[in-house]
N, C-alpha and C. Protein backbone atom coordinates (compact mmCIF):
# COMPACT_ATOMS: atom_id res chain seq x y z
N GLU A 1 -0.83 -19.59 15.27
CA GLU A 1 -0.96 -18.94 16.54
C GLU A 1 0.22 -17.97 16.82
N GLN A 2 1.45 -18.42 16.40
CA GLN A 2 2.60 -17.58 16.59
C GLN A 2 2.51 -16.33 15.71
N LEU A 3 2.04 -16.47 14.41
CA LEU A 3 1.92 -15.37 13.54
C LEU A 3 0.88 -14.37 14.07
N ARG A 4 -0.22 -14.94 14.67
CA ARG A 4 -1.26 -14.02 15.23
C ARG A 4 -0.63 -13.20 16.34
N HIS A 5 0.20 -13.82 17.21
CA HIS A 5 0.78 -13.17 18.32
C HIS A 5 1.76 -12.09 17.85
N LEU A 6 2.49 -12.35 16.82
CA LEU A 6 3.43 -11.35 16.27
C LEU A 6 2.59 -10.19 15.67
N GLN A 7 1.55 -10.43 15.04
CA GLN A 7 0.75 -9.34 14.51
C GLN A 7 0.16 -8.49 15.67
N GLU A 8 -0.30 -9.11 16.66
CA GLU A 8 -0.80 -8.37 17.87
C GLU A 8 0.25 -7.54 18.47
N GLN A 9 1.46 -8.06 18.53
CA GLN A 9 2.57 -7.18 19.07
C GLN A 9 2.85 -6.06 18.16
N LEU A 10 2.83 -6.27 16.88
CA LEU A 10 3.12 -5.26 15.93
C LEU A 10 2.08 -4.17 15.97
N ALA A 11 0.80 -4.58 16.16
CA ALA A 11 -0.30 -3.55 16.18
C ALA A 11 -0.12 -2.60 17.37
N ARG A 12 0.52 -3.07 18.41
CA ARG A 12 0.71 -2.19 19.58
C ARG A 12 1.77 -1.15 19.28
N ARG A 13 2.55 -1.29 18.24
CA ARG A 13 3.59 -0.32 17.86
C ARG A 13 3.12 0.70 16.83
N VAL A 14 1.91 0.42 16.24
CA VAL A 14 1.39 1.28 15.22
C VAL A 14 0.98 2.67 15.82
N ARG A 15 1.31 3.71 15.16
CA ARG A 15 0.92 5.08 15.62
C ARG A 15 0.11 5.69 14.55
N LEU A 16 -1.11 6.14 14.92
CA LEU A 16 -1.98 6.83 13.97
C LEU A 16 -2.00 8.22 14.39
N ALA A 17 -1.06 8.98 13.86
CA ALA A 17 -0.90 10.40 14.16
C ALA A 17 -0.74 11.23 12.88
N GLY A 18 -1.35 12.38 12.87
CA GLY A 18 -1.23 13.27 11.73
C GLY A 18 0.24 13.77 11.46
N ARG A 19 0.53 13.94 10.18
CA ARG A 19 1.95 14.35 9.88
C ARG A 19 1.98 15.72 9.27
N ARG A 20 1.68 15.85 8.03
CA ARG A 20 1.95 17.07 7.23
C ARG A 20 1.07 17.08 6.03
N ARG A 21 1.16 18.18 5.29
CA ARG A 21 0.51 18.25 4.02
C ARG A 21 1.18 17.25 3.02
N LEU A 22 0.39 16.86 2.07
CA LEU A 22 0.97 15.96 1.06
C LEU A 22 2.02 16.74 0.25
N PRO A 23 3.25 16.15 0.12
CA PRO A 23 4.26 16.82 -0.62
C PRO A 23 3.98 16.79 -2.10
N LYS A 24 4.89 17.38 -2.93
CA LYS A 24 4.65 17.44 -4.39
C LYS A 24 4.84 16.02 -5.00
N LEU A 25 5.55 15.11 -4.25
CA LEU A 25 5.81 13.80 -4.75
C LEU A 25 5.18 12.77 -3.78
N ALA A 26 4.70 11.64 -4.25
CA ALA A 26 4.22 10.53 -3.46
C ALA A 26 4.65 9.29 -4.06
N ALA A 27 4.71 8.24 -3.20
CA ALA A 27 5.30 6.91 -3.69
C ALA A 27 4.34 5.84 -3.39
N GLY A 28 4.48 4.75 -4.18
CA GLY A 28 3.73 3.52 -4.03
C GLY A 28 4.59 2.33 -4.24
N VAL A 29 4.23 1.19 -3.49
CA VAL A 29 5.04 -0.06 -3.64
C VAL A 29 4.02 -1.18 -3.87
N ASP A 30 4.50 -2.14 -4.64
CA ASP A 30 3.66 -3.33 -4.91
C ASP A 30 4.55 -4.51 -5.26
N VAL A 31 4.07 -5.72 -5.14
CA VAL A 31 4.86 -6.93 -5.43
C VAL A 31 4.06 -7.79 -6.39
N SER A 32 4.78 -8.27 -7.38
CA SER A 32 4.28 -9.31 -8.35
C SER A 32 5.10 -10.54 -8.29
N TYR A 33 4.53 -11.63 -8.78
CA TYR A 33 5.23 -12.97 -8.62
C TYR A 33 5.33 -13.62 -9.97
N PRO A 34 6.53 -13.63 -10.51
CA PRO A 34 6.87 -14.40 -11.71
C PRO A 34 6.75 -15.92 -11.52
N GLY A 35 6.84 -16.32 -10.29
CA GLY A 35 6.79 -17.80 -9.93
C GLY A 35 6.38 -17.82 -8.46
N PRO A 36 6.04 -19.05 -7.95
CA PRO A 36 5.60 -19.18 -6.58
C PRO A 36 6.67 -18.86 -5.54
N GLU A 37 7.98 -18.84 -5.90
CA GLU A 37 9.03 -18.57 -4.93
C GLU A 37 9.88 -17.42 -5.44
N GLN A 38 9.39 -16.61 -6.31
CA GLN A 38 10.11 -15.42 -6.75
C GLN A 38 9.18 -14.18 -6.64
N GLY A 39 9.67 -13.14 -6.12
CA GLY A 39 8.89 -11.88 -6.02
C GLY A 39 9.63 -10.74 -6.64
N VAL A 40 8.84 -9.83 -7.25
CA VAL A 40 9.40 -8.59 -7.88
C VAL A 40 8.69 -7.47 -7.17
N ALA A 41 9.47 -6.63 -6.45
CA ALA A 41 8.87 -5.48 -5.76
C ALA A 41 9.24 -4.22 -6.53
N ALA A 42 8.24 -3.29 -6.67
CA ALA A 42 8.44 -2.06 -7.41
C ALA A 42 8.13 -0.88 -6.54
N TYR A 43 8.85 0.23 -6.76
CA TYR A 43 8.64 1.53 -6.08
C TYR A 43 8.46 2.51 -7.23
N ALA A 44 7.32 3.25 -7.15
CA ALA A 44 7.08 4.28 -8.13
C ALA A 44 6.92 5.63 -7.47
N LEU A 45 7.68 6.59 -7.90
CA LEU A 45 7.67 7.96 -7.32
C LEU A 45 6.89 8.83 -8.33
N CYS A 46 5.84 9.45 -7.97
CA CYS A 46 4.99 10.16 -8.86
C CYS A 46 4.69 11.60 -8.36
N GLU A 47 4.48 12.48 -9.38
CA GLU A 47 4.03 13.85 -9.02
C GLU A 47 2.59 13.73 -8.54
N VAL A 48 2.30 14.46 -7.49
CA VAL A 48 0.89 14.49 -6.96
C VAL A 48 -0.07 15.07 -8.01
N ALA A 49 0.43 16.15 -8.60
CA ALA A 49 -0.42 16.91 -9.60
C ALA A 49 -0.21 16.21 -10.97
N GLY A 50 -1.15 15.37 -11.33
CA GLY A 50 -1.04 14.78 -12.70
C GLY A 50 -0.60 13.31 -12.67
N GLY A 51 0.18 12.91 -11.67
CA GLY A 51 0.54 11.49 -11.54
C GLY A 51 1.67 11.03 -12.43
N ARG A 52 2.46 11.92 -12.97
CA ARG A 52 3.56 11.52 -13.79
C ARG A 52 4.63 10.80 -12.97
N VAL A 53 5.14 9.73 -13.47
CA VAL A 53 6.27 8.95 -12.86
C VAL A 53 7.55 9.75 -13.02
N VAL A 54 8.22 10.09 -11.91
CA VAL A 54 9.48 10.81 -12.01
C VAL A 54 10.71 9.86 -11.80
N TRP A 55 10.45 8.78 -11.11
CA TRP A 55 11.56 7.77 -10.81
C TRP A 55 10.93 6.46 -10.41
N SER A 56 11.60 5.36 -10.71
CA SER A 56 11.10 4.07 -10.24
C SER A 56 12.29 3.09 -10.19
N THR A 57 12.06 2.04 -9.38
CA THR A 57 13.05 1.00 -9.39
C THR A 57 12.30 -0.35 -9.02
N THR A 58 12.91 -1.46 -9.38
CA THR A 58 12.42 -2.72 -8.99
C THR A 58 13.51 -3.65 -8.48
N ILE A 59 13.17 -4.62 -7.67
CA ILE A 59 14.16 -5.65 -7.31
C ILE A 59 13.44 -7.00 -7.40
N ARG A 60 14.20 -8.05 -7.64
CA ARG A 60 13.69 -9.43 -7.73
C ARG A 60 14.47 -10.25 -6.66
N ARG A 61 13.70 -10.96 -5.85
CA ARG A 61 14.30 -11.77 -4.83
C ARG A 61 13.49 -13.08 -4.64
N PRO A 62 14.13 -14.08 -4.03
CA PRO A 62 13.41 -15.30 -3.66
C PRO A 62 12.43 -14.94 -2.54
N VAL A 63 11.21 -15.61 -2.57
CA VAL A 63 10.23 -15.44 -1.54
C VAL A 63 9.84 -16.87 -1.09
N ARG A 64 10.02 -17.09 0.25
CA ARG A 64 9.85 -18.45 0.77
C ARG A 64 8.56 -18.59 1.66
N PHE A 65 8.05 -17.51 2.12
CA PHE A 65 6.85 -17.60 2.99
C PHE A 65 5.58 -17.76 2.10
N PRO A 66 4.73 -18.64 2.40
CA PRO A 66 3.54 -18.90 1.51
C PRO A 66 2.54 -17.78 1.68
N TYR A 67 1.66 -17.66 0.71
CA TYR A 67 0.52 -16.75 0.83
C TYR A 67 -0.51 -17.28 1.79
N ILE A 68 -0.80 -16.48 2.81
CA ILE A 68 -1.86 -16.76 3.80
C ILE A 68 -2.69 -15.54 3.97
N THR A 69 -4.02 -15.68 3.76
CA THR A 69 -4.80 -14.48 3.88
C THR A 69 -4.72 -13.85 5.24
N SER A 70 -4.59 -12.55 5.26
CA SER A 70 -4.47 -11.70 6.45
C SER A 70 -3.05 -11.76 7.10
N TYR A 71 -2.17 -12.56 6.50
CA TYR A 71 -0.79 -12.61 6.93
C TYR A 71 0.20 -12.29 5.79
N LEU A 72 -0.27 -11.46 4.90
CA LEU A 72 0.52 -11.11 3.69
C LEU A 72 1.86 -10.43 4.04
N GLY A 73 1.82 -9.67 5.14
CA GLY A 73 3.05 -9.00 5.52
C GLY A 73 4.30 -9.87 5.73
N PHE A 74 4.03 -11.09 6.21
CA PHE A 74 5.16 -12.01 6.46
C PHE A 74 5.78 -12.52 5.11
N ARG A 75 4.97 -12.50 4.04
CA ARG A 75 5.42 -12.89 2.73
C ARG A 75 6.12 -11.76 2.04
N GLU A 76 5.64 -10.50 2.13
CA GLU A 76 6.06 -9.42 1.29
C GLU A 76 6.93 -8.42 1.96
N VAL A 77 6.78 -8.16 3.31
CA VAL A 77 7.57 -7.15 3.92
C VAL A 77 9.07 -7.33 3.86
N PRO A 78 9.66 -8.56 4.01
CA PRO A 78 11.10 -8.70 3.84
C PRO A 78 11.54 -8.18 2.50
N LEU A 79 10.82 -8.49 1.41
CA LEU A 79 11.24 -8.03 0.10
C LEU A 79 11.05 -6.44 0.00
N LEU A 80 9.93 -6.00 0.59
CA LEU A 80 9.71 -4.50 0.54
C LEU A 80 10.74 -3.75 1.34
N LEU A 81 11.20 -4.32 2.45
CA LEU A 81 12.28 -3.68 3.20
C LEU A 81 13.54 -3.52 2.45
N GLU A 82 13.89 -4.54 1.64
CA GLU A 82 15.07 -4.42 0.75
C GLU A 82 14.87 -3.35 -0.28
N LEU A 83 13.65 -3.32 -0.80
CA LEU A 83 13.30 -2.30 -1.81
C LEU A 83 13.46 -0.90 -1.22
N ILE A 84 12.88 -0.65 -0.01
CA ILE A 84 12.96 0.63 0.66
C ILE A 84 14.30 1.04 0.88
N GLU A 85 15.21 0.09 1.31
CA GLU A 85 16.63 0.33 1.61
C GLU A 85 17.30 0.78 0.31
N THR A 86 17.02 0.18 -0.80
CA THR A 86 17.57 0.54 -2.10
C THR A 86 17.12 1.95 -2.47
N VAL A 87 15.92 2.26 -2.20
CA VAL A 87 15.41 3.60 -2.57
C VAL A 87 15.99 4.67 -1.61
N ARG A 88 16.20 4.35 -0.32
CA ARG A 88 16.83 5.24 0.61
C ARG A 88 18.21 5.57 0.15
N ARG A 89 19.00 4.52 -0.26
CA ARG A 89 20.36 4.77 -0.72
C ARG A 89 20.38 5.67 -1.94
N ALA A 90 19.41 5.57 -2.75
CA ALA A 90 19.32 6.37 -3.97
C ALA A 90 18.85 7.82 -3.70
N GLY A 91 18.42 8.08 -2.45
CA GLY A 91 17.93 9.41 -2.05
C GLY A 91 16.61 9.72 -2.66
N ARG A 92 15.72 8.70 -2.94
CA ARG A 92 14.42 8.89 -3.59
C ARG A 92 13.25 8.50 -2.68
N LEU A 93 13.49 8.35 -1.43
CA LEU A 93 12.42 7.95 -0.50
C LEU A 93 11.60 9.12 -0.07
N VAL A 94 10.29 9.14 -0.29
CA VAL A 94 9.39 10.11 0.19
C VAL A 94 8.27 9.46 1.04
N GLU A 95 7.70 10.27 1.85
CA GLU A 95 6.49 9.79 2.61
C GLU A 95 5.35 10.71 2.26
N PRO A 96 4.09 10.18 2.23
CA PRO A 96 3.75 8.76 2.59
C PRO A 96 4.02 7.80 1.49
N VAL A 97 4.12 6.54 1.82
CA VAL A 97 4.27 5.44 0.84
C VAL A 97 2.96 4.73 0.83
N LEU A 98 2.29 4.65 -0.29
CA LEU A 98 1.06 3.89 -0.46
C LEU A 98 1.41 2.38 -0.69
N VAL A 99 0.76 1.50 -0.05
CA VAL A 99 1.06 0.10 -0.05
C VAL A 99 -0.20 -0.59 -0.62
N ASP A 100 0.03 -1.56 -1.50
CA ASP A 100 -1.04 -2.39 -2.03
C ASP A 100 -1.43 -3.44 -0.97
N GLY A 101 -2.38 -3.06 -0.13
CA GLY A 101 -2.84 -3.98 0.94
C GLY A 101 -3.47 -3.15 2.08
N SER A 102 -3.88 -3.85 3.06
CA SER A 102 -4.55 -3.16 4.21
C SER A 102 -3.57 -2.57 5.21
N GLY A 103 -4.06 -1.51 5.90
CA GLY A 103 -3.29 -0.95 7.01
C GLY A 103 -3.97 -1.44 8.30
N VAL A 104 -4.56 -0.61 9.08
CA VAL A 104 -5.21 -1.01 10.32
C VAL A 104 -6.60 -1.59 10.07
N LEU A 105 -7.07 -1.50 8.85
CA LEU A 105 -8.33 -2.13 8.50
C LEU A 105 -8.05 -3.62 8.22
N HIS A 106 -7.92 -4.33 9.34
CA HIS A 106 -7.35 -5.67 9.36
C HIS A 106 -7.83 -6.37 10.61
N PRO A 107 -8.05 -7.69 10.63
CA PRO A 107 -8.59 -8.33 11.83
C PRO A 107 -7.79 -8.09 13.08
N ARG A 108 -6.47 -7.88 12.92
CA ARG A 108 -5.65 -7.68 14.11
C ARG A 108 -4.95 -6.26 14.02
N ARG A 109 -5.53 -5.36 13.23
CA ARG A 109 -4.98 -4.01 13.10
C ARG A 109 -3.55 -4.01 12.65
N ALA A 110 -3.17 -5.00 11.80
CA ALA A 110 -1.72 -5.13 11.46
C ALA A 110 -1.66 -5.61 10.05
N GLY A 111 -2.27 -4.95 9.09
CA GLY A 111 -2.13 -5.30 7.70
C GLY A 111 -0.75 -4.98 7.16
N ILE A 112 -0.43 -5.30 5.96
CA ILE A 112 0.87 -5.17 5.38
C ILE A 112 1.35 -3.73 5.46
N ALA A 113 0.43 -2.76 5.19
CA ALA A 113 0.90 -1.35 5.23
C ALA A 113 1.36 -0.95 6.65
N SER A 114 0.69 -1.43 7.68
CA SER A 114 1.06 -1.20 9.06
C SER A 114 2.39 -1.96 9.35
N HIS A 115 2.49 -3.20 8.92
CA HIS A 115 3.70 -4.02 9.12
C HIS A 115 4.92 -3.30 8.55
N LEU A 116 4.79 -2.85 7.25
CA LEU A 116 5.89 -2.19 6.64
C LEU A 116 6.22 -0.80 7.23
N GLY A 117 5.22 -0.09 7.62
CA GLY A 117 5.46 1.20 8.26
C GLY A 117 6.28 1.09 9.53
N VAL A 118 5.84 0.14 10.35
CA VAL A 118 6.55 -0.05 11.68
C VAL A 118 7.96 -0.54 11.41
N ALA A 119 8.09 -1.54 10.55
CA ALA A 119 9.43 -2.12 10.28
C ALA A 119 10.37 -1.16 9.64
N ALA A 120 9.90 -0.30 8.77
CA ALA A 120 10.75 0.70 8.07
C ALA A 120 10.72 2.07 8.64
N ARG A 121 9.93 2.26 9.65
CA ARG A 121 9.70 3.58 10.30
C ARG A 121 9.28 4.66 9.29
N LEU A 122 8.22 4.30 8.54
CA LEU A 122 7.69 5.17 7.57
C LEU A 122 6.24 5.49 7.74
N ALA A 123 5.80 6.63 7.24
CA ALA A 123 4.36 6.92 7.09
C ALA A 123 3.85 6.13 5.95
N THR A 124 2.83 5.21 6.19
CA THR A 124 2.27 4.47 5.15
C THR A 124 0.76 4.47 5.12
N VAL A 125 0.21 4.25 4.00
CA VAL A 125 -1.23 4.19 3.75
C VAL A 125 -1.62 2.88 3.07
N GLY A 126 -2.55 2.14 3.56
CA GLY A 126 -2.99 0.92 2.88
C GLY A 126 -4.13 1.16 2.01
N VAL A 127 -4.01 0.57 0.74
CA VAL A 127 -5.11 0.75 -0.25
C VAL A 127 -5.34 -0.62 -0.85
N THR A 128 -6.54 -1.14 -0.73
CA THR A 128 -6.77 -2.52 -1.18
C THR A 128 -8.14 -2.62 -1.81
N LYS A 129 -8.33 -3.56 -2.74
CA LYS A 129 -9.60 -3.85 -3.33
C LYS A 129 -10.39 -4.88 -2.51
N THR A 130 -9.73 -5.45 -1.47
CA THR A 130 -10.35 -6.55 -0.72
C THR A 130 -10.63 -6.09 0.72
N LEU A 131 -11.86 -6.20 1.18
CA LEU A 131 -12.24 -5.90 2.54
C LEU A 131 -12.09 -7.13 3.40
N LEU A 132 -11.05 -7.06 4.30
CA LEU A 132 -10.84 -8.19 5.19
C LEU A 132 -11.73 -8.24 6.39
N CYS A 133 -12.21 -7.05 6.85
CA CYS A 133 -13.10 -7.04 8.02
C CYS A 133 -13.79 -5.68 8.02
N GLY A 134 -14.73 -5.54 8.93
CA GLY A 134 -15.51 -4.28 9.04
C GLY A 134 -16.79 -4.35 8.27
N ARG A 135 -17.56 -3.27 8.51
CA ARG A 135 -18.87 -3.17 7.86
C ARG A 135 -19.01 -1.82 7.13
N VAL A 136 -19.53 -1.87 5.89
CA VAL A 136 -19.77 -0.70 5.18
C VAL A 136 -20.79 -0.97 4.02
N GLU A 137 -21.69 -0.03 3.83
CA GLU A 137 -22.66 -0.22 2.73
C GLU A 137 -22.20 0.74 1.64
N TRP A 138 -21.66 0.19 0.52
CA TRP A 138 -21.19 1.05 -0.51
C TRP A 138 -22.12 1.24 -1.72
N ALA A 139 -23.21 0.58 -1.66
CA ALA A 139 -24.18 0.77 -2.78
C ALA A 139 -24.59 2.23 -2.90
N GLY A 140 -24.58 2.72 -4.13
CA GLY A 140 -25.00 4.14 -4.31
C GLY A 140 -23.89 5.08 -4.24
N LEU A 141 -22.68 4.71 -3.92
CA LEU A 141 -21.56 5.65 -3.90
C LEU A 141 -21.33 6.25 -5.24
N GLY A 142 -21.19 7.60 -5.31
CA GLY A 142 -20.82 8.25 -6.51
C GLY A 142 -19.34 8.33 -6.64
N PRO A 143 -18.78 8.74 -7.81
CA PRO A 143 -17.37 8.84 -8.04
C PRO A 143 -16.74 9.75 -6.99
N LEU A 144 -15.70 9.24 -6.32
CA LEU A 144 -14.90 9.91 -5.31
C LEU A 144 -15.70 10.13 -4.01
N GLU A 145 -16.95 9.54 -3.89
CA GLU A 145 -17.58 9.57 -2.64
C GLU A 145 -17.06 8.48 -1.73
N SER A 146 -17.18 8.69 -0.47
CA SER A 146 -16.63 7.65 0.44
C SER A 146 -17.54 7.47 1.68
N ARG A 147 -17.40 6.34 2.30
CA ARG A 147 -18.15 6.03 3.51
C ARG A 147 -17.20 5.33 4.45
N PRO A 148 -17.42 5.50 5.82
CA PRO A 148 -16.53 4.91 6.80
C PRO A 148 -16.72 3.39 6.83
N VAL A 149 -15.67 2.67 7.09
CA VAL A 149 -15.78 1.24 7.37
C VAL A 149 -15.67 1.07 8.91
N LEU A 150 -16.67 0.47 9.47
CA LEU A 150 -16.76 0.42 10.92
C LEU A 150 -16.45 -0.99 11.50
N MET A 151 -15.69 -0.97 12.61
CA MET A 151 -15.49 -2.12 13.37
C MET A 151 -15.64 -1.73 14.88
N GLU A 152 -16.44 -2.43 15.57
CA GLU A 152 -16.64 -2.19 17.02
C GLU A 152 -16.99 -0.76 17.24
N GLY A 153 -17.81 -0.16 16.37
CA GLY A 153 -18.30 1.20 16.52
C GLY A 153 -17.36 2.30 16.21
N ARG A 154 -16.19 1.99 15.58
CA ARG A 154 -15.19 2.97 15.25
C ARG A 154 -14.80 2.83 13.74
N ALA A 155 -14.60 3.99 13.14
CA ALA A 155 -14.14 3.99 11.74
C ALA A 155 -12.63 3.70 11.69
N TRP A 156 -12.26 2.58 11.01
CA TRP A 156 -10.86 2.22 10.87
C TRP A 156 -10.37 2.45 9.47
N GLY A 157 -11.30 2.71 8.54
CA GLY A 157 -10.93 2.94 7.19
C GLY A 157 -12.12 3.53 6.43
N VAL A 158 -11.99 3.77 5.14
CA VAL A 158 -13.04 4.30 4.32
C VAL A 158 -13.15 3.51 3.01
N ALA A 159 -14.38 3.37 2.56
CA ALA A 159 -14.55 2.84 1.21
C ALA A 159 -14.70 4.03 0.27
N ILE A 160 -13.99 4.11 -0.82
CA ILE A 160 -14.05 5.26 -1.76
C ILE A 160 -14.19 4.67 -3.13
N ARG A 161 -15.14 5.23 -3.90
CA ARG A 161 -15.29 4.80 -5.31
C ARG A 161 -14.42 5.70 -6.16
N PRO A 162 -13.38 5.04 -6.78
CA PRO A 162 -12.41 5.86 -7.49
C PRO A 162 -12.82 6.50 -8.80
N THR A 163 -13.73 5.85 -9.50
CA THR A 163 -14.18 6.34 -10.85
C THR A 163 -15.63 5.99 -11.04
N ALA A 164 -16.27 6.63 -12.00
CA ALA A 164 -17.70 6.31 -12.31
C ALA A 164 -17.79 4.89 -12.81
N GLY A 165 -16.73 4.37 -13.49
CA GLY A 165 -16.84 3.02 -14.01
C GLY A 165 -16.45 1.89 -13.03
N SER A 166 -16.12 2.31 -11.83
CA SER A 166 -15.68 1.28 -10.84
C SER A 166 -16.89 0.70 -10.17
N ARG A 167 -17.05 -0.65 -10.23
CA ARG A 167 -18.15 -1.28 -9.60
C ARG A 167 -17.98 -1.40 -8.11
N ARG A 168 -16.71 -1.61 -7.77
CA ARG A 168 -16.41 -1.84 -6.33
C ARG A 168 -15.49 -0.67 -5.87
N PRO A 169 -15.58 -0.34 -4.55
CA PRO A 169 -14.70 0.68 -4.02
C PRO A 169 -13.28 0.23 -3.73
N LEU A 170 -12.45 1.15 -3.42
CA LEU A 170 -11.20 0.83 -2.81
C LEU A 170 -11.33 1.06 -1.31
N PHE A 171 -10.57 0.26 -0.55
CA PHE A 171 -10.65 0.35 0.93
C PHE A 171 -9.30 0.94 1.39
N VAL A 172 -9.48 2.10 2.02
CA VAL A 172 -8.30 2.91 2.43
C VAL A 172 -8.22 2.91 3.92
N SER A 173 -6.99 2.70 4.50
CA SER A 173 -6.78 2.81 5.92
C SER A 173 -5.40 3.26 6.24
N PRO A 174 -5.21 3.94 7.42
CA PRO A 174 -3.84 4.32 7.80
C PRO A 174 -2.97 3.06 7.99
N GLY A 175 -1.74 3.21 7.63
CA GLY A 175 -0.79 2.11 7.91
C GLY A 175 0.01 2.46 9.20
N HIS A 176 0.76 3.51 9.23
CA HIS A 176 1.56 3.88 10.29
C HIS A 176 1.86 5.41 10.16
N ARG A 177 1.92 6.12 11.32
CA ARG A 177 2.28 7.47 11.28
C ARG A 177 1.40 8.38 10.41
N VAL A 178 0.12 7.97 10.30
CA VAL A 178 -0.88 8.63 9.48
C VAL A 178 -2.17 8.46 10.22
N GLU A 179 -3.06 9.49 10.17
CA GLU A 179 -4.42 9.28 10.67
C GLU A 179 -5.40 9.09 9.49
N LEU A 180 -6.59 8.64 9.82
CA LEU A 180 -7.54 8.23 8.81
C LEU A 180 -7.90 9.35 7.83
N ALA A 181 -8.15 10.56 8.33
CA ALA A 181 -8.56 11.69 7.48
C ALA A 181 -7.48 12.01 6.50
N GLU A 182 -6.19 11.99 6.93
CA GLU A 182 -5.08 12.22 6.06
C GLU A 182 -5.01 11.18 4.99
N ALA A 183 -5.11 9.87 5.38
CA ALA A 183 -4.97 8.80 4.49
C ALA A 183 -5.97 8.94 3.36
N GLU A 184 -7.23 9.27 3.72
CA GLU A 184 -8.26 9.45 2.73
C GLU A 184 -7.93 10.62 1.79
N GLN A 185 -7.52 11.70 2.43
CA GLN A 185 -7.18 12.96 1.64
C GLN A 185 -6.06 12.67 0.65
N TRP A 186 -5.02 12.01 1.08
CA TRP A 186 -3.88 11.70 0.23
C TRP A 186 -4.36 10.87 -0.97
N VAL A 187 -5.05 9.78 -0.72
CA VAL A 187 -5.48 8.95 -1.78
C VAL A 187 -6.38 9.69 -2.78
N ARG A 188 -7.30 10.51 -2.26
CA ARG A 188 -8.12 11.37 -3.17
C ARG A 188 -7.26 12.23 -4.12
N GLN A 189 -6.18 12.83 -3.61
CA GLN A 189 -5.42 13.68 -4.37
C GLN A 189 -4.56 12.94 -5.43
N LEU A 190 -4.44 11.61 -5.23
CA LEU A 190 -3.59 10.82 -6.15
C LEU A 190 -4.48 10.01 -7.07
N LEU A 191 -5.82 10.20 -7.05
CA LEU A 191 -6.69 9.57 -8.02
C LEU A 191 -6.84 10.43 -9.21
N HIS A 192 -6.39 10.00 -10.36
CA HIS A 192 -6.44 10.82 -11.58
C HIS A 192 -7.16 10.05 -12.73
N GLY A 193 -8.32 9.47 -12.38
CA GLY A 193 -9.22 8.81 -13.42
C GLY A 193 -8.93 7.36 -13.56
N ARG A 194 -8.04 6.76 -12.76
CA ARG A 194 -7.83 5.33 -12.86
C ARG A 194 -8.42 4.66 -11.66
N ARG A 195 -8.46 3.34 -11.68
CA ARG A 195 -8.97 2.53 -10.56
C ARG A 195 -8.10 2.69 -9.32
N LEU A 196 -6.77 2.90 -9.47
CA LEU A 196 -5.86 2.97 -8.38
C LEU A 196 -5.29 4.37 -8.32
N PRO A 197 -4.81 4.82 -7.14
CA PRO A 197 -4.01 6.01 -7.09
C PRO A 197 -2.76 5.86 -7.98
N GLU A 198 -2.27 6.90 -8.54
CA GLU A 198 -1.19 6.79 -9.53
C GLU A 198 0.04 6.07 -9.01
N PRO A 199 0.56 6.37 -7.78
CA PRO A 199 1.80 5.58 -7.39
C PRO A 199 1.56 4.10 -7.37
N LEU A 200 0.30 3.66 -6.95
CA LEU A 200 0.10 2.24 -6.88
C LEU A 200 -0.15 1.64 -8.32
N TYR A 201 -0.83 2.41 -9.14
CA TYR A 201 -1.04 1.97 -10.52
C TYR A 201 0.32 1.70 -11.16
N TRP A 202 1.28 2.64 -10.99
CA TRP A 202 2.55 2.45 -11.63
C TRP A 202 3.39 1.36 -10.98
N ALA A 203 3.34 1.27 -9.64
CA ALA A 203 4.11 0.26 -8.99
C ALA A 203 3.61 -1.13 -9.41
N ASP A 204 2.30 -1.25 -9.50
CA ASP A 204 1.71 -2.51 -10.00
C ASP A 204 2.16 -2.88 -11.40
N ARG A 205 2.05 -1.82 -12.26
CA ARG A 205 2.38 -2.04 -13.69
C ARG A 205 3.88 -2.39 -13.88
N LEU A 206 4.76 -1.64 -13.14
CA LEU A 206 6.17 -1.87 -13.24
C LEU A 206 6.59 -3.28 -12.71
N SER A 207 5.96 -3.68 -11.57
CA SER A 207 6.35 -4.95 -10.98
C SER A 207 5.88 -6.10 -11.97
N ARG A 208 4.73 -5.88 -12.59
CA ARG A 208 4.31 -6.90 -13.58
C ARG A 208 5.15 -7.01 -14.78
N GLU A 209 5.56 -5.81 -15.30
CA GLU A 209 6.44 -5.79 -16.41
C GLU A 209 7.76 -6.52 -16.13
N ALA A 210 8.29 -6.12 -14.98
CA ALA A 210 9.58 -6.78 -14.56
C ALA A 210 9.48 -8.24 -14.35
N SER A 211 8.29 -8.66 -13.92
CA SER A 211 8.05 -10.10 -13.72
C SER A 211 8.10 -10.90 -14.99
N LYS A 212 7.78 -10.22 -16.08
CA LYS A 212 7.71 -10.93 -17.42
C LYS A 212 9.04 -11.06 -18.09
N GLU A 213 10.04 -10.28 -17.53
CA GLU A 213 11.36 -10.36 -18.13
C GLU A 213 12.03 -11.63 -17.81
N ARG A 214 12.65 -12.30 -18.79
CA ARG A 214 13.29 -13.61 -18.53
C ARG A 214 14.54 -13.40 -17.69
N VAL A 215 15.28 -12.34 -18.00
CA VAL A 215 16.50 -11.99 -17.19
C VAL A 215 16.26 -10.59 -16.76
N SER A 216 16.09 -10.44 -15.44
CA SER A 216 15.84 -9.17 -14.88
C SER A 216 16.99 -8.63 -14.06
N PRO A 217 17.46 -7.43 -14.23
CA PRO A 217 18.47 -6.93 -13.31
C PRO A 217 17.95 -6.80 -11.92
N ALA A 218 18.75 -6.92 -10.91
CA ALA A 218 18.29 -6.84 -9.56
C ALA A 218 17.66 -5.49 -9.23
N ILE A 219 18.29 -4.45 -9.84
CA ILE A 219 17.79 -3.09 -9.55
C ILE A 219 17.81 -2.36 -10.88
N HIS A 220 16.82 -1.59 -11.17
CA HIS A 220 16.92 -0.65 -12.26
C HIS A 220 16.16 0.59 -11.90
N GLY A 221 16.46 1.72 -12.51
CA GLY A 221 15.76 2.99 -12.22
C GLY A 221 15.52 3.67 -13.51
N ARG A 222 14.65 4.70 -13.39
CA ARG A 222 14.39 5.53 -14.56
C ARG A 222 14.19 6.97 -14.06
């Protein structure tokens, strides 16, 4: 009940406002778990045109909050905030930041992308393979076609089929300081033939690779 209340408070601080054109670089963050109480967070900075990684870093930290469906932010945002601060100090932080998880397409409008955006004061976009709430019929979607995900008569996100080989869509929603049309446009421009937008593909890959290392430096960049 306390977590629900905290999410409801956080949702009131979310702002869905248009920002700007997508810059030449875009970022993604993701977290992997080498063990139940260890998390590795990765940040990947990619060129929008082509998706090439131009810089990345990871951090490894203890994680003590358990996994609870729809409360992922409480488990991962503390780790991601440390990651974002590391990136800020390195002068490599760009917006928007794509987050592996929901934004406002969430039972309390406070998914991990919104949670991180409010806490870090960042423009964020949520991208997830899992639909937590809302209604959408995605049968028959062609590659890069999308349909709105509706809750209470309003579109809070979109389902987009990333490739011809994808059986299920991605669910995209604004996190913070972004509106829905922008969030969808940005994700479209970052899809280059993979299941995930390039910044999230690389953040996922880098976090997994770092998780497999027996001895991992706290921070590394490329």
